[in-house]
Amino acid sequence: MMLGASLFLGAVALVAFLWGIKNGQFDDEKKMMNAVMQDDENELNDAAEQERKKEALRKKNYMPE
């Protein structure tokens, strides 16, 4: 029974993987490179400020509920 269930789940995973390839789910290989080029200075400054705030809270041992 366990062998049958394992084979069934493996077949489902294989079908899902092949469906993803056929429909182009894995075609965006340059997404991260293009995202970096579209960031402007304000967005990068906002991200750096958020990291500074997180680090300050971490130093205070703040634990959100």
C-alpha atoms as a PDB file:
ATOM      1  CA  MET A   1       0.000   0.000   0.000  1.00  0.00           C
ATOM      2  CA  MET A   2       2.803   2.435   0.872  1.00  0.00           C
ATOM      3  CA  LEU A   3       4.565   1.636  -2.392  1.00  0.00           C
ATOM      4  CA  GLY A   4       1.413   2.360  -4.362  1.00  0.00           C
ATOM      5  CA  ALA A   5       0.866   5.653  -2.549  1.00  0.00           C
ATOM      6  CA  SER A   6       4.491   6.659  -3.136  1.00  0.00           C
ATOM      7  CA  LEU A   7       4.291   5.833  -6.824  1.00  0.00           C
ATOM      8  CA  PHE A   8       1.030   7.758  -7.141  1.00  0.00           C
ATOM      9  CA  LEU A   9       2.444  10.856  -5.426  1.00  0.00           C
ATOM     10  CA  GLY A  10       5.592  10.655  -7.546  1.00  0.00           C
ATOM     11  CA  ALA A  11       3.510  10.468 -10.708  1.00  0.00           C
ATOM     12  CA  VAL A  12       1.433  13.473  -9.605  1.00  0.00           C
ATOM     13  CA  ALA A  13       4.610  15.446  -8.907  1.00  0.00           C
ATOM     14  CA  LEU A  14       6.051  14.498 -12.309  1.00  0.00           C
ATOM     15  CA  VAL A  15       2.864  15.549 -14.102  1.00  0.00           C
ATOM     16  CA  ALA A  16       2.831  18.863 -12.202  1.00  0.00           C
ATOM     17  CA  PHE A  17       6.489  19.474 -13.077  1.00  0.00           C
ATOM     18  CA  LEU A  18       5.953  18.710 -16.765  1.00  0.00           C
ATOM     19  CA  TRP A  19       2.864  20.956 -16.789  1.00  0.00           C
ATOM     20  CA  GLY A  20       4.952  23.764 -15.287  1.00  0.00           C
ATOM     21  CA  ILE A  21       7.623  23.387 -17.953  1.00  0.00           C
ATOM     22  CA  LYS A  22       5.033  23.288 -20.738  1.00  0.00           C
ATOM     23  CA  ASN A  23       3.310  26.459 -19.490  1.00  0.00           C
ATOM     24  CA  GLY A  24       6.501  28.453 -18.977  1.00  0.00           C
ATOM     25  CA  GLN A  25       6.550  28.547 -15.177  1.00  0.00           C
ATOM     26  CA  PHE A  26      10.357  28.320 -15.117  1.00  0.00           C
ATOM     27  CA  ASP A  27      11.189  30.719 -17.963  1.00  0.00           C
ATOM     28  CA  ASP A  28      11.989  33.844 -15.915  1.00  0.00           C
ATOM     29  CA  GLU A  29      15.710  33.253 -15.382  1.00  0.00           C
ATOM     30  CA  LYS A  30      16.671  36.942 -15.425  1.00  0.00           C
ATOM     31  CA  LYS A  31      14.008  38.298 -13.059  1.00  0.00           C
ATOM     32  CA  MET A  32      16.420  39.265 -10.295  1.00  0.00           C
ATOM     33  CA  MET A  33      18.832  40.975 -12.681  1.00  0.00           C
ATOM     34  CA  ASN A  34      16.045  43.074 -14.199  1.00  0.00           C
ATOM     35  CA  ALA A  35      14.601  43.951 -10.791  1.00  0.00           C
ATOM     36  CA  VAL A  36      17.924  45.437  -9.697  1.00  0.00           C
ATOM     37  CA  MET A  37      18.037  47.660 -12.759  1.00  0.00           C
ATOM     38  CA  GLN A  38      14.535  49.005 -12.061  1.00  0.00           C
ATOM     39  CA  ASP A  39      15.173  49.964  -8.414  1.00  0.00           C
ATOM     40  CA  ASP A  40      15.549  53.662  -7.860  1.00  0.00           C
ATOM     41  CA  GLU A  41      17.510  55.378  -5.117  1.00  0.00           C
ATOM     42  CA  ASN A  42      14.461  56.083  -2.937  1.00  0.00           C
ATOM     43  CA  GLU A  43      13.452  52.416  -2.795  1.00  0.00           C
ATOM     44  CA  LEU A  44      16.974  51.387  -1.862  1.00  0.00           C
ATOM     45  CA  ASN A  45      17.111  54.051   0.869  1.00  0.00           C
ATOM     46  CA  ASP A  46      13.748  52.857   2.229  1.00  0.00           C
ATOM     47  CA  ALA A  47      15.000  49.271   2.351  1.00  0.00           C
ATOM     48  CA  ALA A  48      18.176  50.340   4.164  1.00  0.00           C
ATOM     49  CA  GLU A  49      16.129  52.332   6.694  1.00  0.00           C
ATOM     50  CA  GLN A  50      13.895  49.328   7.366  1.00  0.00           C
ATOM     51  CA  GLU A  51      16.966  47.174   7.998  1.00  0.00           C
ATOM     52  CA  ARG A  52      18.340  49.779  10.435  1.00  0.00           C
ATOM     53  CA  LYS A  53      15.022  49.823  12.312  1.00  0.00           C
ATOM     54  CA  LYS A  54      14.953  46.021  12.503  1.00  0.00           C
ATOM     55  CA  GLU A  55      18.498  45.958  13.843  1.00  0.00           C
ATOM     56  CA  ALA A  56      17.672  48.615  16.462  1.00  0.00           C
ATOM     57  CA  LEU A  57      14.682  46.569  17.639  1.00  0.00           C
ATOM     58  CA  ARG A  58      16.807  43.430  17.703  1.00  0.00           C
ATOM     59  CA  LYS A  59      19.371  45.176  19.902  1.00  0.00           C
ATOM     60  CA  LYS A  60      16.606  46.167  22.338  1.00  0.00           C
ATOM     61  CA  ASN A  61      15.532  42.486  22.467  1.00  0.00           C
ATOM     62  CA  TYR A  62      12.073  43.445  21.257  1.00  0.00           C
ATOM     63  CA  MET A  63       9.843  40.443  20.655  1.00  0.00           C
ATOM     64  CA  PRO A  64       6.600  41.091  18.712  1.00  0.00           C
ATOM     65  CA  GLU A  65       3.538  39.200  19.869  1.00  0.00           C
END
